[in-house]
Amino acid sequence: MSHLQDAAIQAAETLQTAHIKHDPSIEQDRAPSTAADTKETVQLEPSADEDIDAISDVEEDEIPASVLRPPPRRPALPPLPDLRFEQSYLASIKDTKGWQGVTYITIRDQVLMPLVQGIAWTLIVAGWRHWNKATKFSGQSVGAKVRRWWWGVNNWKLPEEGTLRDEKLASSAAEFYEAEANAGSD
């Protein structure tokens, strides 16, 4: 097994050393210039040789539209809460007295709460599946209405009442599985 590891390391080393340039050239290997390479000074006030009236299209007695109707500001969002486990865990154990409190909080946060959340989610999904299993095309639930609408939009033929339960198909499937079960016991 160590022989395979040695071979893998040697292959990686070979690939790495094959891509090292031993004689780099500044003309060929230099990164292309970008806008950040050159600095341009910002002029806040026009220079003496420029005419202010030629720059501004607002007359002296006019108020610019940007002053009269400033663009609406987006409301500032509240700061993002710190959801890292370490910070909330340290805040939880800050006032504990002794190792028993730390142990209780650790078990509660790491074992009991995920367990309760997993059980609750499983019960919700199982309940949804049980409730949704009885939905049919002829039902009055929202799902049945959406399903009938979708089939109508796509010009699909809705199944006739009773065709969803084919007794002949069910009996042949039962016979197949009984034959499979009997074949395995031989």
C-alpha atoms as a PDB file:
ATOM      1  CA  MET A   1       0.000   0.000   0.000  1.00  0.00           C
ATOM      2  CA  SER A   2       2.872   2.367   0.758  1.00  0.00           C
ATOM      3  CA  HIS A   3       4.218   1.656  -2.742  1.00  0.00           C
ATOM      4  CA  LEU A   4       1.027   3.163  -4.235  1.00  0.00           C
ATOM      5  CA  GLN A   5       1.329   6.207  -2.012  1.00  0.00           C
ATOM      6  CA  ASP A   6       4.941   6.693  -3.104  1.00  0.00           C
ATOM      7  CA  ALA A   7       3.885   6.453  -6.749  1.00  0.00           C
ATOM      8  CA  ALA A   8       1.141   9.048  -6.223  1.00  0.00           C
ATOM      9  CA  ILE A   9       3.552  11.445  -4.529  1.00  0.00           C
ATOM     10  CA  GLN A  10       6.124  10.972  -7.285  1.00  0.00           C
ATOM     11  CA  ALA A  11       3.485  11.671  -9.956  1.00  0.00           C
ATOM     12  CA  ALA A  12       2.439  14.872  -8.188  1.00  0.00           C
ATOM     13  CA  GLU A  13       6.026  16.006  -7.818  1.00  0.00           C
ATOM     14  CA  THR A  14       6.694  15.331 -11.495  1.00  0.00           C
ATOM     15  CA  LEU A  15       3.696  17.407 -12.553  1.00  0.00           C
ATOM     16  CA  GLN A  16       4.669  20.273 -10.270  1.00  0.00           C
ATOM     17  CA  THR A  17       8.296  20.416 -11.305  1.00  0.00           C
ATOM     18  CA  ALA A  18       7.412  20.136 -14.992  1.00  0.00           C
ATOM     19  CA  HIS A  19       5.443  23.392 -14.787  1.00  0.00           C
ATOM     20  CA  ILE A  20       8.116  25.484 -13.083  1.00  0.00           C
ATOM     21  CA  LYS A  21       9.714  28.047 -15.399  1.00  0.00           C
ATOM     22  CA  HIS A  22      13.423  28.072 -14.705  1.00  0.00           C
ATOM     23  CA  ASP A  23      14.130  31.062 -16.968  1.00  0.00           C
ATOM     24  CA  PRO A  24      11.219  33.544 -16.692  1.00  0.00           C
ATOM     25  CA  SER A  25      11.175  36.539 -19.027  1.00  0.00           C
ATOM     26  CA  ILE A  26       9.819  39.903 -17.855  1.00  0.00           C
ATOM     27  CA  GLU A  27       8.547  40.710 -21.357  1.00  0.00           C
ATOM     28  CA  GLN A  28       6.531  37.501 -21.705  1.00  0.00           C
ATOM     29  CA  ASP A  29       5.499  36.738 -18.123  1.00  0.00           C
ATOM     30  CA  ARG A  30       4.453  40.191 -17.001  1.00  0.00           C
ATOM     31  CA  ALA A  31       0.730  40.675 -16.316  1.00  0.00           C
ATOM     32  CA  PRO A  32      -1.015  42.927 -18.841  1.00  0.00           C
ATOM     33  CA  SER A  33      -1.619  46.516 -17.763  1.00  0.00           C
ATOM     34  CA  THR A  34      -4.935  47.393 -16.194  1.00  0.00           C
ATOM     35  CA  ALA A  35      -6.725  50.610 -15.287  1.00  0.00           C
ATOM     36  CA  ALA A  36      -5.310  50.318 -11.773  1.00  0.00           C
ATOM     37  CA  ASP A  37      -1.740  50.623 -13.103  1.00  0.00           C
ATOM     38  CA  THR A  38      -2.076  54.308 -13.986  1.00  0.00           C
ATOM     39  CA  LYS A  39      -3.237  56.967 -11.562  1.00  0.00           C
ATOM     40  CA  GLU A  40      -5.253  59.946 -12.664  1.00  0.00           C
ATOM     41  CA  THR A  41      -5.851  62.881 -10.358  1.00  0.00           C
ATOM     42  CA  VAL A  42      -9.422  63.945  -9.767  1.00  0.00           C
ATOM     43  CA  GLN A  43     -10.272  67.606 -10.410  1.00  0.00           C
ATOM     44  CA  LEU A  44     -12.833  68.822  -7.922  1.00  0.00           C
ATOM     45  CA  GLU A  45     -12.784  72.401  -9.180  1.00  0.00           C
ATOM     46  CA  PRO A  46     -12.316  73.516 -12.757  1.00  0.00           C
ATOM     47  CA  SER A  47      -8.945  74.953 -13.599  1.00  0.00           C
ATOM     48  CA  ALA A  48      -8.514  78.673 -14.323  1.00  0.00           C
ATOM     49  CA  ASP A  49      -8.311  78.203 -18.081  1.00  0.00           C
ATOM     50  CA  GLU A  50     -11.671  76.336 -18.290  1.00  0.00           C
ATOM     51  CA  ASP A  51     -14.909  78.280 -18.554  1.00  0.00           C
ATOM     52  CA  ILE A  52     -17.408  77.387 -15.808  1.00  0.00           C
ATOM     53  CA  ASP A  53     -20.401  78.298 -17.992  1.00  0.00           C
ATOM     54  CA  ALA A  54     -19.245  75.874 -20.688  1.00  0.00           C
ATOM     55  CA  ILE A  55     -19.050  73.014 -18.159  1.00  0.00           C
ATOM     56  CA  SER A  56     -22.407  73.556 -16.440  1.00  0.00           C
ATOM     57  CA  ASP A  57     -25.681  73.359 -18.337  1.00  0.00           C
ATOM     58  CA  VAL A  58     -27.597  74.909 -15.410  1.00  0.00           C
ATOM     59  CA  GLU A  59     -28.233  78.634 -15.585  1.00  0.00           C
ATOM     60  CA  GLU A  60     -27.479  80.861 -12.602  1.00  0.00           C
ATOM     61  CA  ASP A  61     -31.115  81.285 -11.573  1.00  0.00           C
ATOM     62  CA  GLU A  62     -32.041  77.598 -12.039  1.00  0.00           C
ATOM     63  CA  ILE A  63     -31.958  74.903  -9.386  1.00  0.00           C
ATOM     64  CA  PRO A  64     -30.651  71.576 -10.656  1.00  0.00           C
ATOM     65  CA  ALA A  65     -33.199  68.763 -10.857  1.00  0.00           C
ATOM     66  CA  SER A  66     -30.904  66.555  -8.785  1.00  0.00           C
ATOM     67  CA  VAL A  67     -31.388  68.981  -5.877  1.00  0.00           C
ATOM     68  CA  LEU A  68     -35.142  69.253  -6.302  1.00  0.00           C
ATOM     69  CA  ARG A  69     -35.774  65.538  -6.785  1.00  0.00           C
ATOM     70  CA  PRO A  70     -32.856  63.601  -5.312  1.00  0.00           C
ATOM     71  CA  PRO A  71     -32.782  59.893  -6.104  1.00  0.00           C
ATOM     72  CA  PRO A  72     -34.489  57.831  -3.407  1.00  0.00           C
ATOM     73  CA  ARG A  73     -32.196  56.122  -0.983  1.00  0.00           C
ATOM     74  CA  ARG A  74     -32.538  52.459  -0.280  1.00  0.00           C
ATOM     75  CA  PRO A  75     -33.321  51.727   3.346  1.00  0.00           C
ATOM     76  CA  ALA A  76     -30.296  50.642   5.307  1.00  0.00           C
ATOM     77  CA  LEU A  77     -30.401  46.982   6.243  1.00  0.00           C
ATOM     78  CA  PRO A  78     -29.745  45.984   9.830  1.00  0.00           C
ATOM     79  CA  PRO A  79     -26.354  44.437  10.518  1.00  0.00           C
ATOM     80  CA  LEU A  80     -26.048  40.710   9.936  1.00  0.00           C
ATOM     81  CA  PRO A  81     -26.195  38.691  13.138  1.00  0.00           C
ATOM     82  CA  ASP A  82     -23.187  36.632  14.136  1.00  0.00           C
ATOM     83  CA  LEU A  83     -24.402  33.063  13.557  1.00  0.00           C
ATOM     84  CA  ARG A  84     -21.113  31.311  14.132  1.00  0.00           C
ATOM     85  CA  PHE A  85     -21.395  28.456  16.603  1.00  0.00           C
ATOM     86  CA  GLU A  86     -18.394  29.487  18.658  1.00  0.00           C
ATOM     87  CA  GLN A  87     -19.729  32.950  19.492  1.00  0.00           C
ATOM     88  CA  SER A  88     -23.183  31.731  20.539  1.00  0.00           C
ATOM     89  CA  TYR A  89     -21.687  28.820  22.474  1.00  0.00           C
ATOM     90  CA  LEU A  90     -19.299  31.077  24.372  1.00  0.00           C
ATOM     91  CA  ALA A  91     -22.161  33.471  25.136  1.00  0.00           C
ATOM     92  CA  SER A  92     -24.205  30.522  26.459  1.00  0.00           C
ATOM     93  CA  ILE A  93     -21.520  29.237  28.806  1.00  0.00           C
ATOM     94  CA  LYS A  94     -20.393  32.689  29.934  1.00  0.00           C
ATOM     95  CA  ASP A  95     -22.395  32.677  33.192  1.00  0.00           C
ATOM     96  CA  THR A  96     -22.171  28.978  34.078  1.00  0.00           C
ATOM     97  CA  LYS A  97     -20.660  27.891  37.339  1.00  0.00           C
ATOM     98  CA  GLY A  98     -18.647  24.711  37.044  1.00  0.00           C
ATOM     99  CA  TRP A  99     -18.236  21.953  34.522  1.00  0.00           C
ATOM    100  CA  GLN A 100     -21.757  20.611  35.073  1.00  0.00           C
ATOM    101  CA  GLY A 101     -23.305  23.729  33.510  1.00  0.00           C
ATOM    102  CA  VAL A 102     -20.918  23.596  30.563  1.00  0.00           C
ATOM    103  CA  THR A 103     -21.706  19.899  30.054  1.00  0.00           C
ATOM    104  CA  TYR A 104     -25.464  20.539  30.227  1.00  0.00           C
ATOM    105  CA  ILE A 105     -25.287  23.395  27.683  1.00  0.00           C
ATOM    106  CA  THR A 106     -23.035  21.393  25.368  1.00  0.00           C
ATOM    107  CA  ILE A 107     -25.327  18.338  25.422  1.00  0.00           C
ATOM    108  CA  ARG A 108     -28.383  20.556  24.992  1.00  0.00           C
ATOM    109  CA  ASP A 109     -26.928  22.450  22.021  1.00  0.00           C
ATOM    110  CA  GLN A 110     -25.095  19.573  20.323  1.00  0.00           C
ATOM    111  CA  VAL A 111     -27.310  16.550  21.022  1.00  0.00           C
ATOM    112  CA  LEU A 112     -30.806  17.409  22.217  1.00  0.00           C
ATOM    113  CA  MET A 113     -31.674  20.353  19.959  1.00  0.00           C
ATOM    114  CA  PRO A 114     -30.556  18.647  16.706  1.00  0.00           C
ATOM    115  CA  LEU A 115     -32.421  15.510  17.836  1.00  0.00           C
ATOM    116  CA  VAL A 116     -35.635  17.451  18.526  1.00  0.00           C
ATOM    117  CA  GLN A 117     -35.317  19.359  15.248  1.00  0.00           C
ATOM    118  CA  GLY A 118     -34.733  16.129  13.306  1.00  0.00           C
ATOM    119  CA  ILE A 119     -37.723  14.411  14.930  1.00  0.00           C
ATOM    120  CA  ALA A 120     -39.951  17.433  14.264  1.00  0.00           C
ATOM    121  CA  TRP A 121     -38.868  17.618  10.610  1.00  0.00           C
ATOM    122  CA  THR A 122     -39.383  13.871  10.141  1.00  0.00           C
ATOM    123  CA  LEU A 123     -42.881  14.065  11.646  1.00  0.00           C
ATOM    124  CA  ILE A 124     -43.755  17.037   9.441  1.00  0.00           C
ATOM    125  CA  VAL A 125     -42.562  15.266   6.268  1.00  0.00           C
ATOM    126  CA  ALA A 126     -44.267  11.983   7.232  1.00  0.00           C
ATOM    127  CA  GLY A 127     -47.498  13.826   8.009  1.00  0.00           C
ATOM    128  CA  TRP A 128     -47.339  15.683   4.705  1.00  0.00           C
ATOM    129  CA  ARG A 129     -46.802  12.447   2.781  1.00  0.00           C
ATOM    130  CA  HIS A 130     -49.692  10.734   4.587  1.00  0.00           C
ATOM    131  CA  TRP A 131     -51.992  13.713   4.022  1.00  0.00           C
ATOM    132  CA  ASN A 132     -50.908  14.135   0.417  1.00  0.00           C
ATOM    133  CA  LYS A 133     -51.174  10.404  -0.426  1.00  0.00           C
ATOM    134  CA  ALA A 134     -54.945  10.577  -0.630  1.00  0.00           C
ATOM    135  CA  THR A 135     -54.940  13.472  -3.107  1.00  0.00           C
ATOM    136  CA  LYS A 136     -56.662  12.582  -6.368  1.00  0.00           C
ATOM    137  CA  PHE A 137     -57.386  14.409  -9.595  1.00  0.00           C
ATOM    138  CA  SER A 138     -61.017  14.731  -8.623  1.00  0.00           C
ATOM    139  CA  GLY A 139     -60.219  16.228  -5.215  1.00  0.00           C
ATOM    140  CA  GLN A 140     -60.905  19.791  -4.165  1.00  0.00           C
ATOM    141  CA  SER A 141     -57.539  20.466  -2.559  1.00  0.00           C
ATOM    142  CA  VAL A 142     -55.174  23.112  -3.881  1.00  0.00           C
ATOM    143  CA  GLY A 143     -52.751  20.450  -5.130  1.00  0.00           C
ATOM    144  CA  ALA A 144     -55.469  18.707  -7.138  1.00  0.00           C
ATOM    145  CA  LYS A 145     -56.601  21.994  -8.664  1.00  0.00           C
ATOM    146  CA  VAL A 146     -53.048  22.911  -9.643  1.00  0.00           C
ATOM    147  CA  ARG A 147     -52.463  19.418 -11.053  1.00  0.00           C
ATOM    148  CA  ARG A 148     -55.651  19.578 -13.135  1.00  0.00           C
ATOM    149  CA  TRP A 149     -54.692  23.081 -14.366  1.00  0.00           C
ATOM    150  CA  TRP A 150     -51.173  21.933 -15.301  1.00  0.00           C
ATOM    151  CA  TRP A 151     -52.477  18.899 -17.186  1.00  0.00           C
ATOM    152  CA  GLY A 152     -54.943  21.161 -19.013  1.00  0.00           C
ATOM    153  CA  VAL A 153     -52.239  23.678 -19.957  1.00  0.00           C
ATOM    154  CA  ASN A 154     -50.126  20.875 -21.440  1.00  0.00           C
ATOM    155  CA  ASN A 155     -53.136  19.298 -23.220  1.00  0.00           C
ATOM    156  CA  TRP A 156     -52.640  16.032 -21.359  1.00  0.00           C
ATOM    157  CA  LYS A 157     -55.576  13.679 -20.999  1.00  0.00           C
ATOM    158  CA  LEU A 158     -56.782  13.476 -17.410  1.00  0.00           C
ATOM    159  CA  PRO A 159     -57.067   9.905 -16.142  1.00  0.00           C
ATOM    160  CA  GLU A 160     -60.597   8.584 -15.837  1.00  0.00           C
ATOM    161  CA  GLU A 161     -62.022   7.935 -12.400  1.00  0.00           C
ATOM    162  CA  GLY A 162     -60.992   4.475 -11.297  1.00  0.00           C
ATOM    163  CA  THR A 163     -58.148   4.039 -13.780  1.00  0.00           C
ATOM    164  CA  LEU A 164     -55.670   4.964 -11.098  1.00  0.00           C
ATOM    165  CA  ARG A 165     -56.621   1.704  -9.358  1.00  0.00           C
ATOM    166  CA  ASP A 166     -56.291  -1.103 -11.849  1.00  0.00           C
ATOM    167  CA  GLU A 167     -57.278  -4.367 -10.122  1.00  0.00           C
ATOM    168  CA  LYS A 168     -55.796  -6.529 -12.896  1.00  0.00           C
ATOM    169  CA  LEU A 169     -52.441  -4.755 -12.686  1.00  0.00           C
ATOM    170  CA  ALA A 170     -52.438  -5.010  -8.884  1.00  0.00           C
ATOM    171  CA  SER A 171     -53.151  -8.753  -8.968  1.00  0.00           C
ATOM    172  CA  SER A 172     -50.420  -9.405 -11.561  1.00  0.00           C
ATOM    173  CA  ALA A 173     -47.941  -7.383  -9.483  1.00  0.00           C
ATOM    174  CA  ALA A 174     -48.920  -9.377  -6.384  1.00  0.00           C
ATOM    175  CA  GLU A 175     -48.437 -12.652  -8.272  1.00  0.00           C
ATOM    176  CA  PHE A 176     -45.020 -11.489  -9.491  1.00  0.00           C
ATOM    177  CA  TYR A 177     -43.809 -10.604  -5.999  1.00  0.00           C
ATOM    178  CA  GLU A 178     -45.181 -13.851  -4.549  1.00  0.00           C
ATOM    179  CA  ALA A 179     -43.322 -15.806  -7.244  1.00  0.00           C
ATOM    180  CA  GLU A 180     -40.125 -13.850  -6.472  1.00  0.00           C
ATOM    181  CA  ALA A 181     -40.494 -14.546  -2.756  1.00  0.00           C
ATOM    182  CA  ASN A 182     -41.077 -18.258  -3.369  1.00  0.00           C
ATOM    183  CA  ALA A 183     -38.132 -18.474  -5.771  1.00  0.00           C
ATOM    184  CA  GLY A 184     -35.798 -17.079  -3.119  1.00  0.00           C
ATOM    185  CA  SER A 185     -36.805 -19.686  -0.529  1.00  0.00           C
ATOM    186  CA  ASP A 186     -35.766 -22.665  -2.711  1.00  0.00           C
END
